[in-house]
Amino acid sequence: MKNLSLEDDMLLSEMGEVQGIPVTKPTSTIWDQVWNFKARPDDLLVATYAKAGLCNLESRSVLIKSYSAGLKLAEAMPSPRTMKTHLPVQLVPPSFWEQNCKIIYVARNAKDNLVSYYHFHRMNKVLPDPGTIEEFMEQFMNGEVLWGSWYDHVKGWWKAKDKHRILYLFYEDMKEVKLERVFIELCLKSGSSVLNKIIYNTSFEIMKDNPMANYTKDFVGVMDHSVSPFMRKGTELNTKCSLWEFSLWLEIYPN
């Protein structure tokens, strides 16, 4: 992967919109290409809300959500392909459903997801300035951040799992090393030594020091790791007021 500079990818700082969902400007610009993407029967799609633990499953995949170069790369990939996306379920190209593709979705605790996403905005120079944690929390709760409402995202995929081949996992389960279920779901036949190696190399402690996962070698000029590392453990909100307000939001949100 090439090193991206602000000059190379300035459009990423702009927001676009597709069907009422905030997306990156490149995504909205080429949306017809994204929507008409041709999935294959043996494709695997890994989906999450932003900063919900995508790297724990697949640290070197093609993002079909970003721009035309990614789409062309995905189209050129030999089968079986593994791709990852932050798209909400209603924006997934219909060919994935038509081809009955296997999909893994990872959901994360809302509070931890919020904090992780906030710090990602702080260190990513092409994303809007998040302001204070309280200001970002308001945007997060109102669905005004990239990829829209966290609640709608996780609930939409949860409902879809009963109709499609979706393995719905929780980030907290991944931290408890429940990758055996993923192997079984994907019908992967590997010995225990291979599974143990995968579990070891996808642990947070190892990935945070792996340049292929922590992006310290890629996206130079875009991510400022001195502000916040890309790989960081999500922690709950610090102020009692913010924590109370966010907890109240979770309680009153419709089931």
Protein backbone atom coordinates (compact mmCIF):
# COMPACT_ATOMS: atom_id res chain seq x y z
CA MET A 1 0.00 0.00 0.00
CA LYS A 2 1.37 3.38 -0.91
CA ASN A 3 1.95 6.19 1.55
CA LEU A 4 -0.88 8.69 1.20
CA SER A 5 -0.33 12.40 1.65
CA LEU A 6 -2.87 15.12 2.29
CA GLU A 7 -2.36 16.35 -1.27
CA ASP A 8 -3.03 12.88 -2.71
CA ASP A 9 -6.30 12.34 -0.88
CA MET A 10 -7.68 15.73 0.18
CA LEU A 11 -11.20 14.73 -0.83
CA LEU A 12 -11.44 12.41 2.15
CA SER A 13 -11.90 15.44 4.42
CA GLU A 14 -15.17 16.25 2.70
CA MET A 15 -18.44 14.63 3.68
CA GLY A 16 -20.88 13.18 1.21
CA GLU A 17 -24.26 11.53 1.68
CA VAL A 18 -25.98 8.43 0.32
CA GLN A 19 -29.62 7.74 1.19
CA GLY A 20 -29.31 10.04 4.20
CA ILE A 21 -26.16 8.34 5.53
CA PRO A 22 -22.99 10.47 5.93
CA VAL A 23 -20.19 8.92 3.87
CA THR A 24 -16.83 10.05 2.54
CA LYS A 25 -16.95 12.31 -0.50
CA PRO A 26 -15.23 9.73 -2.75
CA THR A 27 -17.84 7.15 -1.77
CA SER A 28 -20.75 9.39 -2.73
CA THR A 29 -18.98 10.46 -5.94
CA ILE A 30 -18.68 6.90 -7.25
CA TRP A 31 -21.74 5.48 -5.54
CA ASP A 32 -23.16 3.95 -8.73
CA GLN A 33 -19.97 1.90 -9.08
CA VAL A 34 -20.13 0.81 -5.44
CA TRP A 35 -23.80 -0.16 -5.66
CA ASN A 36 -23.22 -2.14 -8.86
CA PHE A 37 -20.17 -3.97 -7.51
CA LYS A 38 -20.24 -7.62 -8.63
CA ALA A 39 -19.84 -10.01 -5.73
CA ARG A 40 -18.87 -13.65 -6.23
CA PRO A 41 -20.40 -16.67 -4.44
CA ASP A 42 -17.18 -17.40 -2.52
CA ASP A 43 -16.60 -13.81 -1.37
CA LEU A 44 -16.26 -13.07 2.33
CA LEU A 45 -17.37 -9.63 3.52
CA VAL A 46 -16.31 -8.37 6.95
CA ALA A 47 -18.48 -5.48 8.14
CA THR A 48 -18.37 -3.21 11.19
CA TYR A 49 -19.22 0.28 12.30
CA ALA A 50 -16.15 2.53 12.20
CA LYS A 51 -13.57 1.75 14.92
CA ALA A 52 -15.47 -1.32 16.07
CA GLY A 53 -12.65 -3.83 15.76
CA LEU A 54 -12.34 -4.51 12.04
CA CYS A 55 -8.57 -4.94 12.28
CA ASN A 56 -8.97 -7.83 14.69
CA LEU A 57 -10.36 -9.99 11.89
CA GLU A 58 -8.65 -8.79 8.74
CA SER A 59 -5.80 -6.29 8.79
CA ARG A 60 -4.93 -6.38 5.08
CA SER A 61 -8.13 -6.31 3.02
CA VAL A 62 -9.65 -4.11 0.38
CA LEU A 63 -12.01 -1.37 1.52
CA ILE A 64 -14.85 -1.26 -0.98
CA LYS A 65 -16.19 1.82 0.83
CA SER A 66 -13.45 4.24 -0.16
CA TYR A 67 -12.74 5.11 -3.78
CA SER A 68 -12.45 3.76 -7.32
CA ALA A 69 -8.89 2.46 -6.88
CA GLY A 70 -10.17 0.17 -4.13
CA LEU A 71 -12.99 -1.07 -6.32
CA LYS A 72 -10.64 -1.85 -9.18
CA LEU A 73 -8.32 -3.68 -6.81
CA ALA A 74 -11.21 -5.72 -5.43
CA GLU A 75 -12.41 -6.62 -8.92
CA ALA A 76 -8.92 -7.82 -9.84
CA MET A 77 -8.50 -9.98 -6.73
CA PRO A 78 -8.50 -13.74 -7.32
CA SER A 79 -11.15 -15.82 -5.60
CA PRO A 80 -11.84 -16.37 -2.81
CA ARG A 81 -11.80 -12.67 -1.92
CA THR A 82 -11.98 -11.12 1.54
CA MET A 83 -13.25 -7.55 1.68
CA LYS A 84 -14.22 -5.25 4.51
CA THR A 85 -16.64 -2.37 4.80
CA HIS A 86 -18.24 0.12 7.19
CA LEU A 87 -21.41 0.39 5.12
CA PRO A 88 -24.74 0.01 6.95
CA VAL A 89 -26.66 -3.04 5.83
CA GLN A 90 -29.06 -1.14 3.55
CA LEU A 91 -26.15 0.22 1.50
CA VAL A 92 -24.41 -3.10 0.87
CA PRO A 93 -24.33 -3.81 -2.88
CA PRO A 94 -27.24 -6.18 -3.70
CA SER A 95 -24.95 -8.67 -5.43
CA PHE A 96 -23.70 -9.82 -2.01
CA TRP A 97 -27.22 -10.94 -1.16
CA GLU A 98 -27.87 -12.33 -4.64
CA GLN A 99 -24.70 -14.44 -4.46
CA ASN A 100 -25.49 -15.57 -0.90
CA CYS A 101 -22.04 -14.50 0.29
CA LYS A 102 -20.72 -15.22 3.76
CA ILE A 103 -20.57 -12.12 5.94
CA ILE A 104 -19.03 -11.50 9.35
CA TYR A 105 -20.29 -8.52 11.32
CA VAL A 106 -18.55 -7.22 14.45
CA ALA A 107 -20.45 -4.98 16.87
CA ARG A 108 -18.80 -3.05 19.70
CA ASN A 109 -20.04 -1.58 22.97
CA ALA A 110 -21.37 1.90 22.18
CA LYS A 111 -19.36 3.74 24.84
CA ASP A 112 -16.06 2.15 23.87
CA ASN A 113 -16.84 2.59 20.18
CA LEU A 114 -17.56 6.29 20.76
CA VAL A 115 -14.28 6.92 22.59
CA SER A 116 -12.23 5.01 20.00
CA TYR A 117 -13.90 6.87 17.13
CA TYR A 118 -13.31 10.20 18.88
CA HIS A 119 -9.58 9.61 19.23
CA PHE A 120 -9.42 8.38 15.63
CA HIS A 121 -10.85 11.73 14.53
CA ARG A 122 -8.25 13.51 16.66
CA MET A 123 -5.31 11.76 14.99
CA ASN A 124 -6.66 11.56 11.43
CA LYS A 125 -5.95 14.84 9.64
CA VAL A 126 -8.45 14.23 6.84
CA LEU A 127 -11.43 13.78 9.15
CA PRO A 128 -13.40 16.71 10.59
CA ASP A 129 -12.13 18.15 13.88
CA PRO A 130 -14.17 16.31 16.55
CA GLY A 131 -13.98 19.16 19.06
CA THR A 132 -14.41 18.10 22.67
CA ILE A 133 -15.54 14.63 23.66
CA GLU A 134 -18.89 16.14 24.66
CA GLU A 135 -19.30 17.80 21.25
CA PHE A 136 -18.38 14.63 19.41
CA MET A 137 -20.72 12.63 21.61
CA GLU A 138 -23.62 14.81 20.45
CA GLN A 139 -22.73 14.17 16.81
CA PHE A 140 -22.34 10.45 17.50
CA MET A 141 -25.74 10.21 19.22
CA ASN A 142 -27.41 12.17 16.41
CA GLY A 143 -25.88 10.00 13.67
CA GLU A 144 -24.00 12.96 12.20
CA VAL A 145 -20.63 11.19 11.94
CA LEU A 146 -19.32 9.12 9.04
CA TRP A 147 -21.40 5.96 8.46
CA GLY A 148 -24.34 7.39 10.37
CA SER A 149 -26.01 6.19 13.54
CA TRP A 150 -24.18 3.54 15.55
CA TYR A 151 -27.52 2.27 16.85
CA ASP A 152 -29.09 1.93 13.40
CA HIS A 153 -25.91 0.29 12.09
CA VAL A 154 -25.69 -2.49 14.67
CA LYS A 155 -29.46 -3.03 14.78
CA GLY A 156 -29.77 -3.16 11.00
CA TRP A 157 -27.15 -5.86 10.71
CA TRP A 158 -28.66 -7.72 13.67
CA LYS A 159 -32.02 -7.96 11.91
CA ALA A 160 -30.37 -9.04 8.65
CA LYS A 161 -28.62 -12.00 10.27
CA ASP A 162 -31.86 -13.98 10.34
CA LYS A 163 -32.28 -13.67 6.57
CA HIS A 164 -28.73 -13.99 5.29
CA ARG A 165 -25.46 -15.84 5.92
CA ILE A 166 -24.23 -13.43 8.57
CA LEU A 167 -22.07 -14.41 11.54
CA TYR A 168 -22.77 -11.68 14.10
CA LEU A 169 -19.95 -11.24 16.60
CA PHE A 170 -19.19 -8.81 19.40
CA TYR A 171 -15.87 -7.03 19.80
CA GLU A 172 -15.78 -8.16 23.42
CA ASP A 173 -15.97 -11.77 22.23
CA MET A 174 -12.97 -11.19 19.98
CA LYS A 175 -10.98 -10.00 22.97
CA GLU A 176 -11.93 -13.26 24.66
CA VAL A 177 -10.40 -15.10 21.70
CA LYS A 178 -13.46 -16.86 20.31
CA LEU A 179 -12.01 -17.29 16.83
CA GLU A 180 -12.84 -20.99 16.75
CA ARG A 181 -16.42 -20.05 15.89
CA VAL A 182 -15.19 -18.01 12.94
CA PHE A 183 -13.20 -21.00 11.67
CA ILE A 184 -16.22 -23.27 11.96
CA GLU A 185 -18.51 -20.77 10.22
CA LEU A 186 -16.08 -20.34 7.34
CA CYS A 187 -15.48 -24.09 7.07
CA LEU A 188 -11.74 -23.56 7.43
CA LYS A 189 -9.87 -26.79 8.06
CA SER A 190 -6.64 -25.97 9.85
CA GLY A 191 -4.79 -27.62 12.68
CA SER A 192 -4.72 -26.27 16.20
CA SER A 193 -1.21 -24.88 15.64
CA VAL A 194 -2.48 -22.70 12.77
CA LEU A 195 -5.46 -21.50 14.80
CA ASN A 196 -3.25 -20.69 17.78
CA LYS A 197 -0.91 -18.73 15.53
CA ILE A 198 -3.81 -16.70 14.13
CA ILE A 199 -5.16 -16.03 17.62
CA TYR A 200 -1.72 -14.88 18.75
CA ASN A 201 -1.08 -12.60 15.76
CA THR A 202 -4.53 -10.99 15.92
CA SER A 203 -4.39 -10.20 19.62
CA PHE A 204 -4.41 -6.51 20.51
CA GLU A 205 -1.02 -6.71 22.20
CA ILE A 206 0.65 -8.03 19.04
CA MET A 207 -1.28 -5.97 16.48
CA LYS A 208 -0.58 -2.66 18.24
CA ASP A 209 3.14 -3.20 17.50
CA ASN A 210 2.63 -4.57 13.97
CA PRO A 211 3.17 -1.87 11.29
CA MET A 212 0.81 -3.77 8.97
CA ALA A 213 -2.00 -3.32 11.50
CA ASN A 214 -1.22 -0.07 13.30
CA TYR A 215 -0.68 2.00 10.10
CA THR A 216 2.57 3.58 11.31
CA LYS A 217 4.09 2.87 7.87
CA ASP A 218 1.02 3.60 5.75
CA PHE A 219 -0.92 6.85 5.38
CA VAL A 220 2.09 8.99 6.25
CA GLY A 221 0.94 12.60 6.63
CA VAL A 222 -2.63 11.53 7.24
CA MET A 223 -2.51 9.87 10.66
CA ASP A 224 -0.70 11.65 13.50
CA HIS A 225 0.25 8.89 15.93
CA SER A 226 1.70 11.43 18.35
CA VAL A 227 -1.86 12.60 19.03
CA SER A 228 -3.32 9.13 19.45
CA PRO A 229 -2.21 5.70 18.20
CA PHE A 230 -4.38 3.98 15.60
CA MET A 231 -4.48 0.86 17.76
CA ARG A 232 -5.71 1.86 21.19
CA LYS A 233 -7.89 0.20 23.80
CA GLY A 234 -11.29 1.85 24.04
CA THR A 235 -12.05 3.26 27.47
CA GLU A 236 -15.26 4.61 28.84
CA LEU A 237 -16.00 8.31 29.06
CA ASN A 238 -14.16 10.13 31.82
CA THR A 239 -16.60 12.78 33.03
CA LYS A 240 -19.55 11.67 35.12
CA CYS A 241 -21.83 14.09 33.27
CA SER A 242 -20.92 12.70 29.85
CA LEU A 243 -21.21 9.12 31.04
CA TRP A 244 -24.63 9.76 32.58
CA GLU A 245 -25.91 11.54 29.47
CA PHE A 246 -24.66 8.83 27.13
CA SER A 247 -26.08 6.06 29.33
CA LEU A 248 -29.44 7.85 29.35
CA TRP A 249 -29.35 8.03 25.55
CA LEU A 250 -28.81 4.27 25.35
CA GLU A 251 -31.72 3.63 27.72
CA ILE A 252 -34.26 5.81 25.93
CA TYR A 253 -33.31 4.74 22.40
CA PRO A 254 -36.15 2.62 20.94
CA ASN A 255 -35.60 -1.13 21.04
